[in-house]
Amino acid sequence: MNYLADTQDVILHGSGNSMIREFQPRQSVGVNEFGDQRAIYAASDGTWATYFAIVDRDELVRSLVNTCFRIVGPGEKSEPFH
């Protein structure tokens, strides 16, 4: 997934639901204004899409806290830290 995201002009949506035919905006429950939006959620990062596709929200997860950042130096940036 990371290779695909890094080499193609795509964004990725992670879901275990193989029956999705059309994406519809949905309301998130975020702790800040940015994360609490009605939107279609996708990422240009294969790690996030894979995580959301395999996490068992019904059995294991009551809430999700996620973030990603890169360390930026002069003329360069690090790999993403999740």
PDB file of N, CA and C in Angstrom:
ATOM      1  N   MET A   1       0.821  -1.185   0.000  1.00  0.00           N
ATOM      2  CA  MET A   1       0.000   0.000   0.000  1.00  0.00           C
ATOM      3  C   MET A   1       0.871   1.258   0.000  1.00  0.00           C
ATOM      4  N   ASN A   2       1.944   1.236   0.782  1.00  0.00           N
ATOM      5  CA  ASN A   2       2.820   2.411   0.802  1.00  0.00           C
ATOM      6  C   ASN A   2       3.451   2.640  -0.569  1.00  0.00           C
ATOM      7  N   TYR A   3       3.873   1.560  -1.222  1.00  0.00           N
ATOM      8  CA  TYR A   3       4.460   1.693  -2.563  1.00  0.00           C
ATOM      9  C   TYR A   3       3.449   2.316  -3.523  1.00  0.00           C
ATOM     10  N   LEU A   4       2.230   1.817  -3.500  1.00  0.00           N
ATOM     11  CA  LEU A   4       1.184   2.354  -4.365  1.00  0.00           C
ATOM     12  C   LEU A   4       0.970   3.841  -4.093  1.00  0.00           C
ATOM     13  N   ALA A   5       0.845   4.202  -2.827  1.00  0.00           N
ATOM     14  CA  ALA A   5       0.621   5.601  -2.463  1.00  0.00           C
ATOM     15  C   ALA A   5       1.809   6.484  -2.839  1.00  0.00           C
ATOM     16  N   ASP A   6       3.015   5.937  -2.758  1.00  0.00           N
ATOM     17  CA  ASP A   6       4.217   6.718  -3.062  1.00  0.00           C
ATOM     18  C   ASP A   6       4.468   6.883  -4.558  1.00  0.00           C
ATOM     19  N   THR A   7       3.941   5.969  -5.380  1.00  0.00           N
ATOM     20  CA  THR A   7       4.284   5.986  -6.804  1.00  0.00           C
ATOM     21  C   THR A   7       3.120   6.315  -7.731  1.00  0.00           C
ATOM     22  N   GLN A   8       1.902   6.358  -7.201  1.00  0.00           N
ATOM     23  CA  GLN A   8       0.730   6.625  -8.041  1.00  0.00           C
ATOM     24  C   GLN A   8      -0.041   7.828  -7.500  1.00  0.00           C
ATOM     25  N   ASP A   9      -0.831   8.413  -8.345  1.00  0.00           N
ATOM     26  CA  ASP A   9      -1.646   9.566  -7.956  1.00  0.00           C
ATOM     27  C   ASP A   9      -2.967   9.062  -7.387  1.00  0.00           C
ATOM     28  N   VAL A  10      -2.904   8.559  -6.151  1.00  0.00           N
ATOM     29  CA  VAL A  10      -4.075   7.964  -5.505  1.00  0.00           C
ATOM     30  C   VAL A  10      -4.162   8.412  -4.055  1.00  0.00           C
ATOM     31  N   ILE A  11      -5.354   8.287  -3.506  1.00  0.00           N
ATOM     32  CA  ILE A  11      -5.540   8.334  -2.065  1.00  0.00           C
ATOM     33  C   ILE A  11      -6.213   7.028  -1.675  1.00  0.00           C
ATOM     34  N   LEU A  12      -6.036   6.608  -0.444  1.00  0.00           N
ATOM     35  CA  LEU A  12      -6.472   5.291   0.004  1.00  0.00           C
ATOM     36  C   LEU A  12      -7.459   5.407   1.151  1.00  0.00           C
ATOM     37  N   HIS A  13      -8.490   4.575   1.108  1.00  0.00           N
ATOM     38  CA  HIS A  13      -9.476   4.501   2.183  1.00  0.00           C
ATOM     39  C   HIS A  13      -9.386   3.108   2.774  1.00  0.00           C
ATOM     40  N   GLY A  14      -9.161   3.007   4.063  1.00  0.00           N
ATOM     41  CA  GLY A  14      -9.050   1.701   4.711  1.00  0.00           C
ATOM     42  C   GLY A  14     -10.367   1.255   5.292  1.00  0.00           C
ATOM     43  N   SER A  15     -10.858   0.129   4.815  1.00  0.00           N
ATOM     44  CA  SER A  15     -12.099  -0.426   5.340  1.00  0.00           C
ATOM     45  C   SER A  15     -12.092  -1.933   5.146  1.00  0.00           C
ATOM     46  N   GLY A  16     -12.679  -2.647   6.083  1.00  0.00           N
ATOM     47  CA  GLY A  16     -12.864  -4.082   5.935  1.00  0.00           C
ATOM     48  C   GLY A  16     -14.135  -4.416   5.180  1.00  0.00           C
ATOM     49  N   ASN A  17     -14.871  -3.412   4.740  1.00  0.00           N
ATOM     50  CA  ASN A  17     -16.137  -3.610   4.040  1.00  0.00           C
ATOM     51  C   ASN A  17     -15.891  -3.687   2.535  1.00  0.00           C
ATOM     52  N   SER A  18     -15.956  -4.862   1.977  1.00  0.00           N
ATOM     53  CA  SER A  18     -15.708  -5.040   0.541  1.00  0.00           C
ATOM     54  C   SER A  18     -16.920  -4.673  -0.312  1.00  0.00           C
ATOM     55  N   MET A  19     -18.033  -4.311   0.312  1.00  0.00           N
ATOM     56  CA  MET A  19     -19.259  -3.992  -0.418  1.00  0.00           C
ATOM     57  C   MET A  19     -19.405  -2.493  -0.725  1.00  0.00           C
ATOM     58  N   ILE A  20     -18.445  -1.671  -0.348  1.00  0.00           N
ATOM     59  CA  ILE A  20     -18.535  -0.231  -0.618  1.00  0.00           C
ATOM     60  C   ILE A  20     -18.465  -0.012  -2.127  1.00  0.00           C
ATOM     61  N   ARG A  21     -19.463   0.650  -2.669  1.00  0.00           N
ATOM     62  CA  ARG A  21     -19.490   0.980  -4.099  1.00  0.00           C
ATOM     63  C   ARG A  21     -19.325   2.483  -4.322  1.00  0.00           C
ATOM     64  N   GLU A  22     -19.764   3.255  -3.365  1.00  0.00           N
ATOM     65  CA  GLU A  22     -19.665   4.709  -3.456  1.00  0.00           C
ATOM     66  C   GLU A  22     -19.440   5.256  -2.055  1.00  0.00           C
ATOM     67  N   PHE A  23     -18.475   6.140  -1.933  1.00  0.00           N
ATOM     68  CA  PHE A  23     -18.191   6.729  -0.633  1.00  0.00           C
ATOM     69  C   PHE A  23     -19.149   7.875  -0.347  1.00  0.00           C
ATOM     70  N   GLN A  24     -19.621   7.929   0.879  1.00  0.00           N
ATOM     71  CA  GLN A  24     -20.510   8.985   1.341  1.00  0.00           C
ATOM     72  C   GLN A  24     -19.847   9.677   2.532  1.00  0.00           C
ATOM     73  N   PRO A  25     -19.964  10.994   2.631  1.00  0.00           N
ATOM     74  CA  PRO A  25     -19.423  11.675   3.812  1.00  0.00           C
ATOM     75  C   PRO A  25     -20.081  11.148   5.086  1.00  0.00           C
ATOM     76  N   ARG A  26     -19.297  11.080   6.161  1.00  0.00           N
ATOM     77  CA  ARG A  26     -19.834  10.677   7.458  1.00  0.00           C
ATOM     78  C   ARG A  26     -19.237  11.583   8.518  1.00  0.00           C
ATOM     79  N   GLN A  27     -19.944  11.714   9.611  1.00  0.00           N
ATOM     80  CA  GLN A  27     -19.500  12.551  10.719  1.00  0.00           C
ATOM     81  C   GLN A  27     -18.524  11.773  11.586  1.00  0.00           C
ATOM     82  N   SER A  28     -17.361  12.330  11.788  1.00  0.00           N
ATOM     83  CA  SER A  28     -16.385  11.749  12.704  1.00  0.00           C
ATOM     84  C   SER A  28     -16.643  12.292  14.104  1.00  0.00           C
ATOM     85  N   VAL A  29     -16.048  11.662  15.079  1.00  0.00           N
ATOM     86  CA  VAL A  29     -16.123  12.149  16.461  1.00  0.00           C
ATOM     87  C   VAL A  29     -14.694  12.477  16.873  1.00  0.00           C
ATOM     88  N   GLY A  30     -14.234  13.652  16.498  1.00  0.00           N
ATOM     89  CA  GLY A  30     -12.879  14.059  16.797  1.00  0.00           C
ATOM     90  C   GLY A  30     -12.806  14.924  18.035  1.00  0.00           C
ATOM     91  N   VAL A  31     -11.607  15.023  18.591  1.00  0.00           N
ATOM     92  CA  VAL A  31     -11.416  15.827  19.799  1.00  0.00           C
ATOM     93  C   VAL A  31     -11.103  17.287  19.472  1.00  0.00           C
ATOM     94  N   ASN A  32     -10.863  17.582  18.184  1.00  0.00           N
ATOM     95  CA  ASN A  32     -10.632  18.970  17.791  1.00  0.00           C
ATOM     96  C   ASN A  32     -11.409  19.260  16.506  1.00  0.00           C
ATOM     97  N   GLU A  33     -11.437  20.504  16.103  1.00  0.00           N
ATOM     98  CA  GLU A  33     -12.241  20.916  14.951  1.00  0.00           C
ATOM     99  C   GLU A  33     -11.832  20.190  13.673  1.00  0.00           C
ATOM    100  N   PHE A  34     -10.534  20.011  13.454  1.00  0.00           N
ATOM    101  CA  PHE A  34     -10.065  19.342  12.238  1.00  0.00           C
ATOM    102  C   PHE A  34     -10.558  17.899  12.165  1.00  0.00           C
ATOM    103  N   GLY A  35     -10.509  17.182  13.266  1.00  0.00           N
ATOM    104  CA  GLY A  35     -10.902  15.778  13.278  1.00  0.00           C
ATOM    105  C   GLY A  35     -12.383  15.539  13.443  1.00  0.00           C
ATOM    106  N   ASP A  36     -13.135  16.583  13.735  1.00  0.00           N
ATOM    107  CA  ASP A  36     -14.571  16.445  13.977  1.00  0.00           C
ATOM    108  C   ASP A  36     -15.345  17.023  12.793  1.00  0.00           C
ATOM    109  N   GLN A  37     -15.153  16.413  11.631  1.00  0.00           N
ATOM    110  CA  GLN A  37     -15.779  16.912  10.419  1.00  0.00           C
ATOM    111  C   GLN A  37     -16.640  15.842   9.758  1.00  0.00           C
ATOM    112  N   ARG A  38     -17.627  16.289   9.012  1.00  0.00           N
ATOM    113  CA  ARG A  38     -18.386  15.396   8.140  1.00  0.00           C
ATOM    114  C   ARG A  38     -17.600  15.346   6.834  1.00  0.00           C
ATOM    115  N   ALA A  39     -17.061  14.173   6.494  1.00  0.00           N
ATOM    116  CA  ALA A  39     -16.163  14.085   5.350  1.00  0.00           C
ATOM    117  C   ALA A  39     -16.037  12.642   4.874  1.00  0.00           C
ATOM    118  N   ILE A  40     -15.390  12.484   3.739  1.00  0.00           N
ATOM    119  CA  ILE A  40     -14.933  11.176   3.284  1.00  0.00           C
ATOM    120  C   ILE A  40     -13.470  11.112   3.681  1.00  0.00           C
ATOM    121  N   TYR A  41     -13.106  10.122   4.472  1.00  0.00           N
ATOM    122  CA  TYR A  41     -11.758  10.043   5.013  1.00  0.00           C
ATOM    123  C   TYR A  41     -10.889   9.134   4.157  1.00  0.00           C
ATOM    124  N   ALA A  42      -9.728   9.646   3.776  1.00  0.00           N
ATOM    125  CA  ALA A  42      -8.763   8.897   2.980  1.00  0.00           C
ATOM    126  C   ALA A  42      -7.381   9.451   3.298  1.00  0.00           C
ATOM    127  N   ALA A  43      -6.355   8.753   2.847  1.00  0.00           N
ATOM    128  CA  ALA A  43      -4.987   9.177   3.145  1.00  0.00           C
ATOM    129  C   ALA A  43      -4.078   8.885   1.960  1.00  0.00           C
ATOM    130  N   SER A  44      -2.994   9.611   1.877  1.00  0.00           N
ATOM    131  CA  SER A  44      -1.961   9.326   0.883  1.00  0.00           C
ATOM    132  C   SER A  44      -0.877   8.451   1.508  1.00  0.00           C
ATOM    133  N   ASP A  45      -1.216   7.778   2.581  1.00  0.00           N
ATOM    134  CA  ASP A  45      -0.288   6.952   3.354  1.00  0.00           C
ATOM    135  C   ASP A  45      -0.876   5.545   3.491  1.00  0.00           C
ATOM    136  N   GLY A  46      -0.183   4.551   2.958  1.00  0.00           N
ATOM    137  CA  GLY A  46      -0.682   3.184   2.996  1.00  0.00           C
ATOM    138  C   GLY A  46      -0.787   2.593   4.384  1.00  0.00           C
ATOM    139  N   THR A  47       0.026   3.060   5.321  1.00  0.00           N
ATOM    140  CA  THR A  47      -0.018   2.521   6.684  1.00  0.00           C
ATOM    141  C   THR A  47      -1.360   2.819   7.335  1.00  0.00           C
ATOM    142  N   TRP A  48      -1.838   4.040   7.203  1.00  0.00           N
ATOM    143  CA  TRP A  48      -3.135   4.390   7.791  1.00  0.00           C
ATOM    144  C   TRP A  48      -4.264   3.588   7.150  1.00  0.00           C
ATOM    145  N   ALA A  49      -4.275   3.507   5.823  1.00  0.00           N
ATOM    146  CA  ALA A  49      -5.338   2.763   5.140  1.00  0.00           C
ATOM    147  C   ALA A  49      -5.342   1.303   5.574  1.00  0.00           C
ATOM    148  N   THR A  50      -4.173   0.705   5.677  1.00  0.00           N
ATOM    149  CA  THR A  50      -4.081  -0.691   6.114  1.00  0.00           C
ATOM    150  C   THR A  50      -4.580  -0.837   7.542  1.00  0.00           C
ATOM    151  N   TYR A  51      -4.173   0.052   8.427  1.00  0.00           N
ATOM    152  CA  TYR A  51      -4.603  -0.008   9.824  1.00  0.00           C
ATOM    153  C   TYR A  51      -6.125   0.036   9.934  1.00  0.00           C
ATOM    154  N   PHE A  52      -6.752   1.005   9.270  1.00  0.00           N
ATOM    155  CA  PHE A  52      -8.205   1.136   9.374  1.00  0.00           C
ATOM    156  C   PHE A  52      -8.937  -0.017   8.693  1.00  0.00           C
ATOM    157  N   ALA A  53      -8.288  -0.684   7.740  1.00  0.00           N
ATOM    158  CA  ALA A  53      -8.913  -1.841   7.091  1.00  0.00           C
ATOM    159  C   ALA A  53      -8.919  -3.067   7.997  1.00  0.00           C
ATOM    160  N   ILE A  54      -7.949  -3.187   8.901  1.00  0.00           N
ATOM    161  CA  ILE A  54      -7.851  -4.417   9.699  1.00  0.00           C
ATOM    162  C   ILE A  54      -8.238  -4.262  11.163  1.00  0.00           C
ATOM    163  N   VAL A  55      -8.333  -3.049  11.680  1.00  0.00           N
ATOM    164  CA  VAL A  55      -8.681  -2.876  13.094  1.00  0.00           C
ATOM    165  C   VAL A  55     -10.117  -3.360  13.325  1.00  0.00           C
ATOM    166  N   ASP A  56     -10.315  -4.117  14.380  1.00  0.00           N
ATOM    167  CA  ASP A  56     -11.635  -4.661  14.721  1.00  0.00           C
ATOM    168  C   ASP A  56     -12.315  -3.709  15.695  1.00  0.00           C
ATOM    169  N   ARG A  57     -13.014  -2.739  15.189  1.00  0.00           N
ATOM    170  CA  ARG A  57     -13.637  -1.709  16.025  1.00  0.00           C
ATOM    171  C   ARG A  57     -14.737  -2.269  16.911  1.00  0.00           C
ATOM    172  N   ASP A  58     -15.458  -3.269  16.433  1.00  0.00           N
ATOM    173  CA  ASP A  58     -16.572  -3.821  17.211  1.00  0.00           C
ATOM    174  C   ASP A  58     -16.109  -4.580  18.444  1.00  0.00           C
ATOM    175  N   GLU A  59     -14.993  -5.275  18.358  1.00  0.00           N
ATOM    176  CA  GLU A  59     -14.542  -6.130  19.454  1.00  0.00           C
ATOM    177  C   GLU A  59     -13.462  -5.505  20.329  1.00  0.00           C
ATOM    178  N   LEU A  60     -12.565  -4.751  19.736  1.00  0.00           N
ATOM    179  CA  LEU A  60     -11.366  -4.338  20.462  1.00  0.00           C
ATOM    180  C   LEU A  60     -11.268  -2.852  20.763  1.00  0.00           C
ATOM    181  N   VAL A  61     -11.876  -2.027  19.954  1.00  0.00           N
ATOM    182  CA  VAL A  61     -11.608  -0.595  20.024  1.00  0.00           C
ATOM    183  C   VAL A  61     -12.862   0.174  20.428  1.00  0.00           C
ATOM    184  N   ARG A  62     -12.720   1.026  21.422  1.00  0.00           N
ATOM    185  CA  ARG A  62     -13.808   1.920  21.814  1.00  0.00           C
ATOM    186  C   ARG A  62     -13.556   3.337  21.297  1.00  0.00           C
ATOM    187  N   SER A  63     -12.302   3.690  21.126  1.00  0.00           N
ATOM    188  CA  SER A  63     -11.953   4.964  20.508  1.00  0.00           C
ATOM    189  C   SER A  63     -10.595   4.815  19.842  1.00  0.00           C
ATOM    190  N   LEU A  64     -10.353   5.643  18.850  1.00  0.00           N
ATOM    191  CA  LEU A  64      -9.085   5.607  18.121  1.00  0.00           C
ATOM    192  C   LEU A  64      -8.398   6.954  18.256  1.00  0.00           C
ATOM    193  N   VAL A  65      -7.137   6.927  18.554  1.00  0.00           N
ATOM    194  CA  VAL A  65      -6.321   8.132  18.578  1.00  0.00           C
ATOM    195  C   VAL A  65      -5.185   7.875  17.605  1.00  0.00           C
ATOM    196  N   ASN A  66      -5.070   8.705  16.588  1.00  0.00           N
ATOM    197  CA  ASN A  66      -4.024   8.481  15.599  1.00  0.00           C
ATOM    198  C   ASN A  66      -3.441   9.802  15.150  1.00  0.00           C
ATOM    199  N   THR A  67      -2.187   9.739  14.749  1.00  0.00           N
ATOM    200  CA  THR A  67      -1.505  10.914  14.229  1.00  0.00           C
ATOM    201  C   THR A  67      -0.319  10.456  13.392  1.00  0.00           C
ATOM    202  N   CYS A  68       0.195  11.343  12.603  1.00  0.00           N
ATOM    203  CA  CYS A  68       1.386  11.071  11.805  1.00  0.00           C
ATOM    204  C   CYS A  68       2.154  12.382  11.684  1.00  0.00           C
ATOM    205  N   PHE A  69       3.475  12.295  11.810  1.00  0.00           N
ATOM    206  CA  PHE A  69       4.279  13.499  11.621  1.00  0.00           C
ATOM    207  C   PHE A  69       5.607  13.131  10.995  1.00  0.00           C
ATOM    208  N   ARG A  70       6.258  14.118  10.409  1.00  0.00           N
ATOM    209  CA  ARG A  70       7.594  13.962   9.820  1.00  0.00           C
ATOM    210  C   ARG A  70       8.507  15.014  10.438  1.00  0.00           C
ATOM    211  N   ILE A  71       9.736  14.646  10.635  1.00  0.00           N
ATOM    212  CA  ILE A  71      10.741  15.594  11.107  1.00  0.00           C
ATOM    213  C   ILE A  71      11.339  16.248   9.867  1.00  0.00           C
ATOM    214  N   VAL A  72      11.277  17.568   9.821  1.00  0.00           N
ATOM    215  CA  VAL A  72      11.714  18.299   8.645  1.00  0.00           C
ATOM    216  C   VAL A  72      13.011  19.024   8.964  1.00  0.00           C
ATOM    217  N   GLY A  73      13.998  18.815   8.110  1.00  0.00           N
ATOM    218  CA  GLY A  73      15.270  19.509   8.230  1.00  0.00           C
ATOM    219  C   GLY A  73      15.511  20.325   6.971  1.00  0.00           C
ATOM    220  N   PRO A  74      16.619  21.033   6.895  1.00  0.00           N
ATOM    221  CA  PRO A  74      16.918  21.827   5.699  1.00  0.00           C
ATOM    222  C   PRO A  74      16.966  20.936   4.453  1.00  0.00           C
ATOM    223  N   GLY A  75      15.997  21.114   3.551  1.00  0.00           N
ATOM    224  CA  GLY A  75      15.986  20.367   2.303  1.00  0.00           C
ATOM    225  C   GLY A  75      15.613  18.904   2.405  1.00  0.00           C
ATOM    226  N   GLU A  76      15.094  18.458   3.532  1.00  0.00           N
ATOM    227  CA  GLU A  76      14.747  17.036   3.666  1.00  0.00           C
ATOM    228  C   GLU A  76      13.626  16.847   4.679  1.00  0.00           C
ATOM    229  N   LYS A  77      13.005  15.687   4.618  1.00  0.00           N
ATOM    230  CA  LYS A  77      12.020  15.317   5.630  1.00  0.00           C
ATOM    231  C   LYS A  77      12.150  13.827   5.891  1.00  0.00           C
ATOM    232  N   SER A  78      11.814  13.424   7.088  1.00  0.00           N
ATOM    233  CA  SER A  78      11.966  12.035   7.500  1.00  0.00           C
ATOM    234  C   SER A  78      10.828  11.177   6.964  1.00  0.00           C
ATOM    235  N   GLU A  79      10.970   9.896   7.153  1.00  0.00           N
ATOM    236  CA  GLU A  79       9.860   8.983   6.926  1.00  0.00           C
ATOM    237  C   GLU A  79       8.760   9.345   7.919  1.00  0.00           C
ATOM    238  N   PRO A  80       7.524   8.979   7.647  1.00  0.00           N
ATOM    239  CA  PRO A  80       6.451   9.306   8.594  1.00  0.00           C
ATOM    240  C   PRO A  80       6.542   8.493   9.879  1.00  0.00           C
ATOM    241  N   PHE A  81       6.227   9.131  10.983  1.00  0.00           N
ATOM    242  CA  PHE A  81       6.110   8.466  12.280  1.00  0.00           C
ATOM    243  C   PHE A  81       4.629   8.423  12.627  1.00  0.00           C
ATOM    244  N   HIS A  82       4.128   7.219  12.896  1.00  0.00           N
ATOM    245  CA  HIS A  82       2.698   7.044  13.196  1.00  0.00           C
ATOM    246  C   HIS A  82       2.524   6.805  14.672  1.00  0.00           C
TER     247      HIS A  82
END
